[in-house]
Protein backbone atom coordinates (compact mmCIF):
# COMPACT_ATOMS: atom_id res chain seq x y z
CA MET A 1 28.03 65.87 -46.80
CA ALA A 2 29.21 62.34 -47.37
CA ASP A 3 25.77 60.86 -46.71
CA LEU A 4 24.04 62.70 -49.56
CA GLN A 5 23.63 60.52 -52.59
CA PRO A 6 23.02 61.77 -56.08
CA ASN A 7 19.48 61.50 -57.49
CA THR A 8 19.20 58.13 -59.15
CA GLN A 9 16.29 56.51 -60.89
CA PRO A 10 14.83 53.46 -59.09
CA THR A 11 15.54 50.09 -60.63
CA ALA A 12 12.80 47.87 -62.04
CA ALA A 13 12.86 45.70 -58.91
CA GLU A 14 12.10 48.71 -56.70
CA VAL A 15 9.07 49.95 -58.72
CA PRO A 16 5.79 48.37 -57.58
CA ALA A 17 3.75 46.55 -60.20
CA PRO A 18 0.67 48.46 -61.42
CA VAL A 19 -2.60 47.46 -59.79
CA VAL A 20 -5.03 45.99 -62.30
CA ALA A 21 -8.66 46.66 -61.44
CA ALA A 22 -10.95 43.69 -61.49
CA ALA A 23 -13.63 43.66 -64.15
CA PRO A 24 -16.90 45.06 -62.79
CA LYS A 25 -19.29 42.36 -61.69
CA LYS A 26 -22.55 42.17 -63.55
CA LYS A 27 -25.54 42.61 -61.31
CA ALA A 28 -27.84 39.67 -61.07
CA PRO A 29 -31.31 40.29 -62.47
CA MET A 30 -33.73 41.59 -59.87
CA THR A 31 -35.52 38.62 -58.36
CA ASN A 32 -37.65 40.53 -55.84
CA PRO A 33 -41.21 40.46 -57.23
CA TYR A 34 -42.54 43.04 -54.76
CA LEU A 35 -43.28 46.69 -55.43
CA TRP A 36 -43.26 48.98 -52.40
CA GLY A 37 -45.42 51.93 -51.41
CA THR A 38 -45.41 53.94 -48.20
CA GLY A 39 -48.52 55.61 -46.85
CA ARG A 40 -48.96 57.97 -43.92
CA ARG A 41 -52.02 59.42 -42.22
CA LYS A 42 -51.95 61.31 -38.90
CA THR A 43 -49.38 59.27 -36.92
CA ALA A 44 -49.96 55.97 -38.75
CA VAL A 45 -47.34 54.64 -41.17
CA ALA A 46 -48.04 51.78 -43.59
CA ARG A 47 -45.38 49.90 -45.54
CA VAL A 48 -47.15 48.20 -48.44
CA ARG A 49 -45.79 45.46 -50.71
CA ILE A 50 -47.71 44.26 -53.74
CA LYS A 51 -46.99 41.51 -56.24
CA PRO A 52 -48.99 39.94 -59.04
CA GLY A 53 -51.27 37.31 -57.56
CA THR A 54 -54.81 36.28 -56.75
CA GLY A 55 -56.11 39.15 -54.60
CA GLU A 56 -54.87 38.19 -51.13
CA PHE A 57 -54.88 41.21 -48.76
CA MET A 58 -52.93 40.82 -45.51
CA VAL A 59 -52.44 43.51 -42.85
CA ASN A 60 -49.97 42.76 -40.04
CA GLU A 61 -50.15 39.04 -40.94
CA ARG A 62 -53.96 39.03 -40.65
CA SER A 63 -56.64 39.29 -43.29
CA ALA A 64 -57.72 42.88 -43.92
CA ASP A 65 -61.32 41.94 -43.05
CA VAL A 66 -60.18 40.64 -39.66
CA TYR A 67 -57.81 43.55 -38.96
CA PHE A 68 -60.18 46.39 -39.89
CA LEU A 69 -63.48 46.08 -38.05
CA THR A 70 -65.63 48.78 -39.67
CA ASP A 71 -67.03 48.54 -43.19
CA ARG A 72 -65.75 52.03 -43.97
CA ASP A 73 -62.14 51.09 -43.19
CA ARG A 74 -62.44 47.81 -45.10
CA SER A 75 -63.73 49.56 -48.21
CA ASP A 76 -61.12 52.36 -47.90
CA VAL A 77 -58.14 49.99 -47.98
CA ARG A 78 -59.48 48.23 -51.10
CA LYS A 79 -60.51 51.42 -52.91
CA PRO A 80 -57.29 51.83 -54.99
CA LEU A 81 -57.65 48.25 -56.24
CA GLN A 82 -61.32 48.83 -57.13
CA VAL A 83 -60.62 52.11 -58.94
CA THR A 84 -57.98 50.40 -61.11
CA ASP A 85 -59.99 47.15 -61.53
CA THR A 86 -57.10 45.08 -60.14
CA ALA A 87 -58.73 43.60 -57.02
CA LYS A 88 -57.98 40.03 -58.13
CA SER A 89 -54.68 40.83 -59.88
CA TYR A 90 -52.38 41.69 -56.96
CA ASP A 91 -51.51 40.22 -53.58
CA VAL A 92 -51.10 42.98 -50.98
CA PHE A 93 -49.02 42.66 -47.81
CA VAL A 94 -49.01 45.54 -45.32
CA ASN A 95 -47.16 46.36 -42.12
CA VAL A 96 -48.88 49.26 -40.38
CA ALA A 97 -48.11 50.89 -37.04
CA GLY A 98 -49.13 53.96 -35.09
CA GLY A 99 -52.36 55.88 -34.89
CA GLY A 100 -55.84 54.42 -34.68
CA PRO A 101 -57.91 52.27 -37.01
CA THR A 102 -59.10 55.07 -39.29
CA GLY A 103 -55.64 56.62 -39.60
CA GLN A 104 -54.16 53.21 -40.35
CA ALA A 105 -56.79 52.59 -43.03
CA GLY A 106 -55.93 55.92 -44.65
CA ALA A 107 -52.23 55.11 -44.55
CA VAL A 108 -52.80 51.70 -46.13
CA MET A 109 -54.96 53.26 -48.85
CA LEU A 110 -52.22 55.75 -49.81
CA GLY A 111 -49.52 53.06 -49.71
CA VAL A 112 -51.51 50.71 -51.97
CA ALA A 113 -52.16 53.53 -54.43
CA ARG A 114 -48.47 54.47 -54.57
CA ALA A 115 -47.43 50.84 -55.09
CA LEU A 116 -49.97 50.45 -57.92
CA VAL A 117 -48.51 53.48 -59.70
CA LYS A 118 -45.07 51.83 -59.51
CA ALA A 119 -46.56 48.62 -60.89
CA ASN A 120 -48.27 50.39 -63.80
CA PRO A 121 -47.86 54.13 -64.47
CA ASP A 122 -51.08 54.04 -66.55
CA PHE A 123 -53.02 53.88 -63.25
CA LEU A 124 -51.85 57.38 -62.29
CA PRO A 125 -54.74 59.39 -63.88
CA LYS A 126 -57.43 57.12 -62.40
CA LEU A 127 -55.91 57.24 -58.90
CA ARG A 128 -55.37 61.02 -59.11
CA GLU A 129 -58.98 61.54 -60.21
CA ALA A 130 -60.19 59.49 -57.23
CA ASN A 131 -57.91 61.61 -54.96
CA LEU A 132 -56.05 58.54 -53.71
CA LEU A 133 -52.50 59.82 -54.21
CA THR A 134 -52.84 62.89 -52.00
CA ARG A 135 -51.51 62.64 -48.46
CA ASP A 136 -53.97 64.04 -45.94
CA PRO A 137 -51.94 66.76 -44.18
CA ARG A 138 -54.24 67.15 -41.18
CA GLU A 139 -52.55 66.45 -37.86
CA VAL A 140 -53.61 66.82 -34.23
CA GLU A 141 -53.12 70.35 -32.95
CA ARG A 142 -51.02 70.63 -29.81
CA LYS A 143 -52.42 71.52 -26.42
CA LYS A 144 -51.59 75.07 -25.35
CA TYR A 145 -50.50 76.11 -21.86
CA GLY A 146 -53.13 77.96 -19.86
CA GLN A 147 -55.89 76.08 -21.69
CA ALA A 148 -57.70 72.79 -21.24
CA GLY A 149 -56.81 71.63 -24.75
CA ALA A 150 -55.77 72.86 -28.17
CA ARG A 151 -58.77 75.19 -28.43
CA LYS A 152 -60.83 74.55 -25.32
CA ARG A 153 -60.36 77.03 -22.48
CA PHE A 154 -60.71 76.62 -18.77
CA GLN A 155 -64.02 77.90 -17.35
CA PHE A 156 -64.03 81.68 -17.01
CA SER A 157 -65.16 83.25 -13.77
CA LYS A 158 -65.82 86.97 -13.40
CA ARG A 159 -65.73 86.90 -9.61
């Protein structure tokens, strides 16, 4: 019992100094001028960035008129800007992948509409009225076993 020592308080040299927290850093003002919107249609996904500008519209680093070949798709992607009368007010930059041309155009349209609402919430009623903020839920139905397709059957033979 000789090794037991009585309880003693630690001396000042043995007590660690208190840790002083650094003052919180102030965040720098946001310098990113872009507003983002994501659009989906069938299997196509469009990531849309808009910023105030002159009306430039780029899709996958090409002009929208070069990327989309049909007049219907070209007018669809610009429809949110036309409804809000901001066709010459914003530059639009889009990365789109998956699906076909019509699905990609629908995805771009939804992404542009969502980005415009972030830019100005006053656009929400106009875009809602034009049905541009609703995601189209239709998807391709899967092929079933024992059939030629999702609904089509193999030819039936009685004998």
